[in-house]
Amino acid sequence: FNDRIGQHRNVIAAAKAAGVKRLIYTSILKGAASPMILAQDHIETEAALAASGLSVTVLRNGWYTENYLGALPAVLEHGALSGAAGEGRLSTAARADFAEAIAVTALDAAHDGQIYELAGDVSYTLADLATEIAAQSGKPVAFVNLPQAEYAKALEGFGLPAGFAAVLADSDARDGEGALFDDSRTLSRLIGRPTTPMADTLRATL
């Protein structure tokens, strides 16, 4: 993350020099309207792509369900799923769903010049996720909502670098404001099937 936008500009320039006709870029849900710190590099990259003269398809990906399942062993051990999203609703989908969207757009030039907001069909809160983890694992799990700064400190306590912990805590807090909610169902229309339910991804992870 030291110079992500610089690296992206290098890729765009190299693509033009090599005669590449089209780029597909995985951006962030809501693009320039996203309040997340994490969105800034994506916003600048989208601007660089628009100015490049290349044919571009932008896939604004929402959160992967797997983002919340990496810490599953610790969640089960401590009986708590921590976060800073409050009652914010997540419209997540499985990584495989987003990967399929890349394949679909890559194989059809009709997607040239398009920008797609991609998210899961069904939204849920982190409290809903905690309830589902408890139901599937047979172990008590509760959602513990923390202030953003406190959640960042907790992530540092788990071994994350301070800067990265701050970015993740910001993302979670902005989710509480609706940054990761989308009910357009564009992703499921693009891949021609419903997105993978959170419960299914959780079951496979367990």
Protein backbone atom coordinates (compact mmCIF):
# COMPACT_ATOMS: atom_id res chain seq x y z
CA PHE A 1 0.00 0.00 0.00
CA ASN A 2 3.01 2.35 -0.10
CA ASP A 3 2.23 3.51 -3.65
CA ARG A 4 -0.67 1.45 -4.90
CA ILE A 5 -1.97 4.11 -7.31
CA GLY A 6 1.55 4.57 -8.71
CA GLN A 7 1.77 0.84 -9.36
CA HIS A 8 -1.65 0.88 -11.02
CA ARG A 9 -0.64 3.78 -13.28
CA ASN A 10 2.45 1.79 -14.27
CA VAL A 11 0.25 -1.16 -15.25
CA ILE A 12 -2.05 1.07 -17.31
CA ALA A 13 0.93 2.66 -19.10
CA ALA A 14 2.50 -0.76 -19.74
CA ALA A 15 -0.80 -2.07 -21.12
CA LYS A 16 -1.04 0.85 -23.56
CA ALA A 17 2.58 0.40 -24.63
CA ALA A 18 1.99 -3.31 -25.23
CA GLY A 19 -1.07 -2.65 -27.39
CA VAL A 20 -3.60 -4.05 -24.93
CA LYS A 21 -7.07 -3.11 -26.11
CA ARG A 22 -9.07 -3.61 -22.95
CA LEU A 23 -8.63 -3.72 -19.19
CA ILE A 24 -10.92 -5.18 -16.54
CA TYR A 25 -10.44 -3.59 -13.13
CA THR A 26 -11.81 -4.81 -9.81
CA SER A 27 -12.61 -1.65 -7.87
CA ILE A 28 -14.63 -1.08 -4.70
CA LEU A 29 -18.39 -0.94 -4.19
CA LYS A 30 -19.81 2.56 -4.86
CA GLY A 31 -16.53 3.89 -6.26
CA ALA A 32 -16.09 7.62 -5.67
CA ALA A 33 -19.17 7.62 -3.43
CA SER A 34 -17.52 5.22 -0.98
CA PRO A 35 -16.45 6.90 2.28
CA MET A 36 -13.86 4.23 3.09
CA ILE A 37 -10.16 5.01 3.38
CA LEU A 38 -9.65 1.85 1.34
CA ALA A 39 -11.56 3.43 -1.56
CA GLN A 40 -9.07 6.21 -2.31
CA ASP A 41 -6.65 4.14 -4.40
CA HIS A 42 -9.57 2.68 -6.33
CA ILE A 43 -11.03 6.13 -7.00
CA GLU A 44 -7.71 7.38 -8.38
CA THR A 45 -7.25 4.22 -10.44
CA GLU A 46 -10.71 4.57 -11.98
CA ALA A 47 -9.82 8.16 -12.92
CA ALA A 48 -6.54 7.00 -14.48
CA LEU A 49 -8.36 4.33 -16.45
CA ALA A 50 -10.93 6.84 -17.71
CA ALA A 51 -8.11 9.09 -18.93
CA SER A 52 -6.13 6.26 -20.54
CA GLY A 53 -8.11 5.97 -23.76
CA LEU A 54 -8.29 2.20 -23.29
CA SER A 55 -11.51 0.23 -23.31
CA VAL A 56 -12.27 -0.54 -19.67
CA THR A 57 -14.74 -2.61 -17.69
CA VAL A 58 -14.93 -1.68 -14.00
CA LEU A 59 -16.21 -4.25 -11.53
CA ARG A 60 -16.91 -2.50 -8.24
CA ASN A 61 -16.71 -5.44 -5.89
CA GLY A 62 -18.40 -5.47 -2.52
CA TRP A 63 -17.00 -7.43 0.40
CA TYR A 64 -16.13 -11.10 0.08
CA THR A 65 -17.92 -13.24 2.65
CA GLU A 66 -14.56 -14.88 3.32
CA ASN A 67 -13.27 -11.55 4.69
CA TYR A 68 -15.21 -12.24 7.88
CA LEU A 69 -14.33 -15.92 8.15
CA GLY A 70 -10.54 -15.76 8.31
CA ALA A 71 -10.69 -15.28 12.07
CA LEU A 72 -13.21 -18.09 12.55
CA PRO A 73 -10.96 -20.26 14.79
CA ALA A 74 -10.49 -17.33 17.20
CA VAL A 75 -14.20 -16.48 17.07
CA LEU A 76 -15.08 -20.04 18.06
CA GLU A 77 -12.39 -20.15 20.74
CA HIS A 78 -13.53 -16.94 22.43
CA GLY A 79 -17.23 -17.12 21.63
CA ALA A 80 -17.19 -13.60 20.23
CA LEU A 81 -17.24 -11.95 16.82
CA SER A 82 -15.88 -8.42 17.20
CA GLY A 83 -16.41 -5.46 14.88
CA ALA A 84 -17.37 -1.82 14.61
CA ALA A 85 -20.25 -2.06 12.13
CA GLY A 86 -23.13 -1.89 14.59
CA GLU A 87 -26.38 -2.64 12.76
CA GLY A 88 -24.86 -1.99 9.34
CA ARG A 89 -25.94 -4.46 6.68
CA LEU A 90 -23.39 -6.33 4.57
CA SER A 91 -24.20 -7.44 1.03
CA THR A 92 -21.38 -9.95 0.69
CA ALA A 93 -20.82 -12.70 -1.83
CA ALA A 94 -18.31 -15.53 -2.14
CA ARG A 95 -14.98 -14.91 -3.87
CA ALA A 96 -16.01 -17.49 -6.46
CA ASP A 97 -19.05 -15.35 -7.37
CA PHE A 98 -16.87 -12.31 -8.04
CA ALA A 99 -14.35 -14.45 -9.94
CA GLU A 100 -17.14 -15.70 -12.18
CA ALA A 101 -18.15 -12.10 -12.90
CA ILE A 102 -14.61 -11.40 -14.09
CA ALA A 103 -14.78 -14.39 -16.43
CA VAL A 104 -18.19 -13.37 -17.79
CA THR A 105 -17.08 -9.82 -18.58
CA ALA A 106 -13.74 -10.97 -20.02
CA LEU A 107 -15.45 -13.27 -22.51
CA ASP A 108 -17.92 -10.75 -23.93
CA ALA A 109 -16.95 -7.42 -25.50
CA ALA A 110 -20.47 -6.17 -24.85
CA HIS A 111 -19.23 -5.30 -21.36
CA ASP A 112 -16.71 -2.78 -22.72
CA GLY A 113 -17.12 0.62 -21.13
CA GLN A 114 -19.43 -0.64 -18.39
CA ILE A 115 -19.24 -0.03 -14.64
CA TYR A 116 -20.94 -2.65 -12.47
CA GLU A 117 -21.79 -2.42 -8.77
CA LEU A 118 -21.39 -5.99 -7.53
CA ALA A 119 -22.65 -7.40 -4.23
CA GLY A 120 -24.48 -10.34 -2.74
CA ASP A 121 -28.22 -10.82 -3.14
CA VAL A 122 -28.99 -11.07 0.57
CA SER A 123 -27.67 -8.66 3.20
CA TYR A 124 -27.07 -9.36 6.88
CA THR A 125 -25.57 -7.78 9.99
CA LEU A 126 -22.54 -9.01 11.90
CA ALA A 127 -24.95 -10.03 14.66
CA ASP A 128 -26.71 -12.23 12.07
CA LEU A 129 -23.35 -13.72 11.13
CA ALA A 130 -22.55 -14.47 14.78
CA THR A 131 -25.93 -16.17 15.16
CA GLU A 132 -25.28 -18.31 12.07
CA ILE A 133 -21.81 -19.27 13.29
CA ALA A 134 -23.32 -20.38 16.60
CA ALA A 135 -26.05 -22.36 14.87
CA GLN A 136 -23.69 -24.20 12.54
CA SER A 137 -20.86 -24.79 15.02
CA GLY A 138 -23.01 -25.64 18.03
CA LYS A 139 -20.96 -23.21 20.10
CA PRO A 140 -22.13 -19.93 21.66
CA VAL A 141 -21.00 -16.91 19.64
CA ALA A 142 -22.08 -13.31 20.18
CA PHE A 143 -21.37 -10.15 18.21
CA VAL A 144 -19.39 -7.59 20.22
CA ASN A 145 -19.70 -4.11 18.74
CA LEU A 146 -16.76 -1.83 19.54
CA PRO A 147 -15.98 1.84 18.90
CA GLN A 148 -13.81 2.23 15.79
CA ALA A 149 -10.63 3.16 17.67
CA GLU A 150 -11.08 0.31 20.14
CA TYR A 151 -11.63 -2.18 17.33
CA ALA A 152 -8.44 -0.98 15.62
CA LYS A 153 -6.53 -1.57 18.86
CA ALA A 154 -8.05 -5.03 19.15
CA LEU A 155 -6.88 -5.86 15.61
CA GLU A 156 -3.40 -4.67 16.52
CA GLY A 157 -3.58 -7.01 19.49
CA PHE A 158 -4.19 -9.86 17.05
CA GLY A 159 -0.91 -9.01 15.33
CA LEU A 160 -1.96 -6.68 12.51
CA PRO A 161 0.23 -3.64 11.73
CA ALA A 162 -1.27 -0.42 13.11
CA GLY A 163 -1.87 1.13 9.68
CA PHE A 164 -3.66 -1.92 8.31
CA ALA A 165 -5.69 -2.30 11.51
CA ALA A 166 -6.83 1.32 11.16
CA VAL A 167 -7.93 0.74 7.56
CA LEU A 168 -9.92 -2.38 8.50
CA ALA A 169 -11.55 -0.65 11.46
CA ASP A 170 -12.48 2.28 9.22
CA SER A 171 -14.04 -0.11 6.69
CA ASP A 172 -16.07 -1.78 9.41
CA ALA A 173 -17.28 1.52 10.83
CA ARG A 174 -18.24 2.79 7.37
CA ASP A 175 -20.19 -0.43 6.88
CA GLY A 176 -22.25 0.75 9.82
CA GLU A 177 -23.14 3.75 7.66
CA GLY A 178 -24.20 1.63 4.67
CA ALA A 179 -20.98 1.57 2.64
CA LEU A 180 -21.15 -2.19 2.04
CA PHE A 181 -24.88 -2.46 1.35
CA ASP A 182 -26.24 -2.86 -2.18
CA ASP A 183 -29.54 -4.44 -3.24
CA SER A 184 -29.27 -4.05 -7.03
CA ARG A 185 -28.54 -7.77 -7.58
CA THR A 186 -26.30 -6.81 -10.48
CA LEU A 187 -23.83 -9.57 -9.62
CA SER A 188 -26.40 -12.36 -9.76
CA ARG A 189 -27.75 -11.04 -13.08
CA LEU A 190 -24.24 -10.90 -14.48
CA ILE A 191 -23.36 -14.49 -13.54
CA GLY A 192 -26.84 -15.84 -14.30
CA ARG A 193 -27.52 -17.37 -10.89
CA PRO A 194 -28.11 -16.32 -7.28
CA THR A 195 -25.01 -15.35 -5.31
CA THR A 196 -23.71 -17.85 -2.76
CA PRO A 197 -25.50 -17.43 0.58
CA MET A 198 -23.37 -16.45 3.55
CA ALA A 199 -24.48 -19.61 5.34
CA ASP A 200 -23.14 -21.80 2.53
CA THR A 201 -19.72 -20.14 2.56
CA LEU A 202 -19.62 -20.44 6.34
CA ARG A 203 -20.55 -24.13 6.17
CA ALA A 204 -17.74 -24.80 3.67
CA THR A 205 -15.27 -22.89 5.86
CA LEU A 206 -16.26 -24.81 8.99
